[in-house]
Structures are given as C-alpha cells and as structure tokens.
C-alpha cells in the first residue's frame, strides 16, 4: 500500500529541508520512496511543494487530485491552495501562520478572513499547529518547519526512529538543541 504526503509552503520556510529529513526517516524505516520538489518562484515568496510517496513499491512521486493521504501546509493560504490534492478522509496539518502573497501586499486582494474555520469545516481531520509560537519558545521562529515535522511524524505514526539523529545530520551543530526542542514540541502538539 502506498501513502502520499504533500508538503506546501512559501519559499524560505524550510519546506525542502523538512521533506529531506522526512524522506531520510522513511528510508530508514525500509520504505520505497519517491520524492519530487517544485520550487516555483521560491526566492520571491512563491509556492514550494514537495510530493512524497512511500510504500512497499512506488513508481512515481507525483500526487494527483484527491490522492494525498496527508497535506502538511506551512502557511494557511497554501493549505487552501493545495486542498484539492487531499483525498476524502485525509489529514490536513496546517501552520496557523500567514505570509502575504504579492497580490495582498500590493492591495489587489485581501488575505481571506477566517481561513482556518473554512479549512476545518471542509476537512474534518484538520490539525492546526501554532508553529510560530512553538518555534519561538524553542529558540527561533525559523524552526517552524521542524515543529511541523514533529507534528507530521506523530500523525504518520512513525515515531520509532532516532529522529533527533536524523535532524542533526541535516543541520549545523549550533542549531541542534533548538531544533530538537522544536521537533519534540511539535510531536506534543499533534
């Protein structure tokens, strides 16, 4: 059985790093994995997505409409933009965080109000994580991605790995303690 996991964020949020750490863990669990990154206009605050499929045998990383078992959204509007990928009964993990796209910054449109309420009413299995505050408490708001990784690991039920060691292998030593704290707090939040 193959599982599909979509990560969606904005350039600079650590979406790609999170997907690499997650796929390393899935590899250590013995899954066949395929991953595809789509960077878009990442350096200008554009959408960044990663498609991950894992299971006994996987042939393609591309997730099609209504196929994702889990969507991990690093920002609320990105959750809404990618919701069509979530299968019925799937789980949406969404960061309670806003990054205004250029159209909002220039006044062309307004950022949607009550977006979390809309997401929760659309997807019964919605987990909202306040990764900004949790990461700030851990030492840096830049660790929001690792908070979200912790929540995803808990929700996926793949906690039986040495995630701390995997995280450490991807980050400079000076960031280890903060990110481990962020990861553990994210697991508690899920």
Protein backbone atom coordinates (compact mmCIF):
# COMPACT_ATOMS: atom_id res chain seq x y z
CA UNK A 1 0.00 0.00 0.00
CA UNK A 2 1.35 3.40 -1.00
CA UNK A 3 0.90 6.57 1.04
CA UNK A 4 1.04 10.07 -0.42
CA UNK A 5 2.28 13.08 1.52
CA UNK A 6 2.25 16.64 0.15
CA UNK A 7 4.22 19.48 1.74
CA UNK A 8 3.21 23.00 0.70
CA UNK A 9 4.78 26.26 1.77
CA UNK A 10 6.34 29.51 0.69
CA UNK A 11 9.96 29.98 -0.35
CA UNK A 12 12.22 30.33 2.68
CA UNK A 13 10.05 28.34 5.10
CA UNK A 14 12.21 25.22 5.04
CA UNK A 15 9.83 23.03 3.08
CA UNK A 16 12.61 21.31 1.14
CA UNK A 17 14.74 20.66 4.25
CA UNK A 18 11.72 19.19 6.02
CA UNK A 19 10.98 16.88 3.09
CA UNK A 20 14.59 15.68 3.01
CA UNK A 21 14.58 14.89 6.73
CA UNK A 22 11.23 13.11 6.40
CA UNK A 23 12.35 11.01 3.43
CA UNK A 24 15.54 10.04 5.27
CA UNK A 25 13.41 8.71 8.12
CA UNK A 26 11.10 6.86 5.74
CA UNK A 27 14.14 5.33 4.06
CA UNK A 28 15.43 4.12 7.42
CA UNK A 29 12.04 2.52 8.02
CA UNK A 30 12.58 0.48 4.83
CA UNK A 31 10.02 2.11 2.56
CA UNK A 32 10.47 2.57 -1.16
CA UNK A 33 10.22 6.35 -1.61
CA UNK A 34 9.84 8.74 -4.49
CA UNK A 35 10.06 12.49 -3.96
CA UNK A 36 9.59 15.44 -6.29
CA UNK A 37 10.24 19.09 -5.42
CA UNK A 38 8.55 22.00 -7.17
CA UNK A 39 10.25 25.30 -6.35
CA UNK A 40 8.19 27.76 -8.36
CA UNK A 41 9.17 31.36 -7.58
CA UNK A 42 10.58 30.35 -4.21
CA UNK A 43 13.09 33.17 -3.92
CA UNK A 44 10.27 35.69 -4.35
CA UNK A 45 7.95 34.20 -1.74
CA UNK A 46 6.25 31.85 -4.19
CA UNK A 47 4.83 28.41 -3.57
CA UNK A 48 7.15 25.49 -2.86
CA UNK A 49 5.74 21.98 -2.82
CA UNK A 50 7.15 18.53 -2.33
CA UNK A 51 5.35 15.36 -3.34
CA UNK A 52 6.37 12.25 -1.40
CA UNK A 53 5.05 8.77 -1.98
CA UNK A 54 6.18 5.84 0.12
CA UNK A 55 5.26 2.21 0.50
CA UNK A 56 6.39 -1.26 -0.49
CA UNK A 57 6.85 -0.29 -4.16
CA UNK A 58 6.42 3.22 -5.55
CA UNK A 59 6.58 4.07 -9.24
CA UNK A 60 6.05 7.84 -9.35
CA UNK A 61 6.27 10.70 -6.85
CA UNK A 62 3.57 12.82 -8.45
CA UNK A 63 0.42 13.24 -6.39
CA UNK A 64 -2.72 13.89 -8.38
CA UNK A 65 -6.04 15.44 -7.36
CA UNK A 66 -7.68 13.81 -4.30
CA UNK A 67 -4.72 11.45 -3.78
CA UNK A 68 -2.76 12.81 -0.79
CA UNK A 69 -3.24 10.99 2.49
CA UNK A 70 -1.69 13.93 4.32
CA UNK A 71 -1.02 17.55 3.42
CA UNK A 72 1.44 19.48 5.57
CA UNK A 73 0.86 23.19 4.93
CA UNK A 74 3.47 25.62 6.25
CA UNK A 75 1.07 28.55 5.76
CA UNK A 76 -2.74 28.86 5.84
CA UNK A 77 -3.29 30.11 2.31
CA UNK A 78 -1.03 27.36 0.96
CA UNK A 79 -3.30 24.85 2.71
CA UNK A 80 -6.30 26.27 0.87
CA UNK A 81 -4.44 26.38 -2.46
CA UNK A 82 -3.49 22.71 -2.28
CA UNK A 83 -6.62 21.28 -0.67
CA UNK A 84 -7.77 19.67 -3.92
CA UNK A 85 -4.88 17.20 -3.57
CA UNK A 86 -6.25 15.78 -0.30
CA UNK A 87 -8.21 12.56 -0.57
CA UNK A 88 -11.55 12.21 1.21
CA UNK A 89 -10.79 11.26 4.80
CA UNK A 90 -7.23 12.57 4.51
CA UNK A 91 -5.47 14.66 7.14
CA UNK A 92 -4.55 18.32 6.83
CA UNK A 93 -1.81 19.63 9.10
CA UNK A 94 -1.71 23.41 8.84
CA UNK A 95 0.52 26.01 10.42
CA UNK A 96 -1.50 28.86 11.93
CA UNK A 97 0.68 31.38 10.11
CA UNK A 98 0.21 33.97 7.38
CA UNK A 99 2.63 35.08 4.69
CA UNK A 100 1.02 37.63 2.42
CA UNK A 101 1.45 36.99 -1.30
CA UNK A 102 2.33 39.86 -3.61
CA UNK A 103 -1.31 40.38 -4.61
CA UNK A 104 -2.18 41.09 -0.95
CA UNK A 105 0.91 43.25 -0.41
CA UNK A 106 0.02 45.42 -3.41
CA UNK A 107 -3.60 45.78 -2.30
CA UNK A 108 -5.10 43.92 -5.27
CA UNK A 109 -6.82 41.40 -2.99
CA UNK A 110 -7.30 40.85 0.72
CA UNK A 111 -5.98 37.89 2.66
CA UNK A 112 -9.00 35.65 3.29
CA UNK A 113 -10.52 36.04 6.74
CA UNK A 114 -11.47 33.00 8.80
CA UNK A 115 -9.40 30.74 6.55
CA UNK A 116 -8.80 28.26 9.38
CA UNK A 117 -12.53 27.98 10.05
CA UNK A 118 -13.12 27.30 6.36
CA UNK A 119 -10.37 24.67 6.28
CA UNK A 120 -11.68 22.95 9.43
CA UNK A 121 -15.24 22.88 8.10
CA UNK A 122 -14.01 21.44 4.78
CA UNK A 123 -11.59 18.86 6.22
CA UNK A 124 -12.76 17.11 9.40
CA UNK A 125 -9.24 15.77 10.01
CA UNK A 126 -7.56 19.17 10.31
CA UNK A 127 -4.74 19.63 12.81
CA UNK A 128 -3.80 23.25 13.42
CA UNK A 129 -0.31 23.87 14.79
CA UNK A 130 0.87 27.26 16.03
CA UNK A 131 4.40 26.54 14.86
CA UNK A 132 5.48 30.19 15.07
CA UNK A 133 4.98 30.45 18.84
CA UNK A 134 6.31 26.96 19.48
CA UNK A 135 9.45 27.63 17.42
CA UNK A 136 9.93 30.99 19.12
CA UNK A 137 9.79 29.26 22.51
CA UNK A 138 12.32 26.71 21.24
CA UNK A 139 14.77 29.47 20.33
CA UNK A 140 13.99 30.73 16.81
CA UNK A 141 10.92 31.26 14.64
CA UNK A 142 12.99 29.79 11.80
CA UNK A 143 12.42 26.36 13.38
CA UNK A 144 8.72 26.36 12.41
CA UNK A 145 9.43 23.72 9.78
CA UNK A 146 10.90 21.38 12.38
CA UNK A 147 7.90 21.92 14.67
CA UNK A 148 5.68 20.91 11.75
CA UNK A 149 7.92 17.91 11.04
CA UNK A 150 7.39 16.74 14.63
CA UNK A 151 3.63 17.02 14.24
CA UNK A 152 3.74 15.12 10.94
CA UNK A 153 5.89 12.33 12.35
CA UNK A 154 3.43 11.87 15.22
CA UNK A 155 0.38 11.91 12.92
CA UNK A 156 2.00 9.48 10.48
CA UNK A 157 2.76 7.16 13.41
CA UNK A 158 6.46 6.87 12.56
CA UNK A 159 7.89 7.84 15.94
CA UNK A 160 10.01 4.68 16.38
CA UNK A 161 13.14 6.20 14.86
CA UNK A 162 16.01 8.24 16.20
CA UNK A 163 14.61 11.43 14.64
CA UNK A 164 16.97 13.54 16.71
CA UNK A 165 19.96 11.95 15.00
CA UNK A 166 18.38 12.34 11.57
CA UNK A 167 17.68 16.04 12.22
CA UNK A 168 21.24 16.54 13.48
CA UNK A 169 22.64 15.02 10.29
CA UNK A 170 20.99 17.79 8.24
CA UNK A 171 21.80 20.80 10.41
CA UNK A 172 24.92 22.52 11.73
CA UNK A 173 25.74 21.59 15.34
CA UNK A 174 24.97 25.06 16.68
CA UNK A 175 21.29 24.55 15.70
CA UNK A 176 20.87 21.02 17.08
CA UNK A 177 19.50 21.77 20.54
CA UNK A 178 16.98 24.35 19.32
CA UNK A 179 15.67 22.15 16.52
CA UNK A 180 15.39 19.04 18.70
CA UNK A 181 13.38 21.10 21.17
CA UNK A 182 11.19 22.36 18.30
CA UNK A 183 10.70 18.82 16.94
CA UNK A 184 9.68 17.40 20.32
CA UNK A 185 7.28 20.28 20.93
CA UNK A 186 5.71 19.66 17.51
CA UNK A 187 5.19 15.99 18.37
CA UNK A 188 3.44 17.05 21.59
CA UNK A 189 1.22 19.46 19.65
CA UNK A 190 -0.14 16.77 17.28
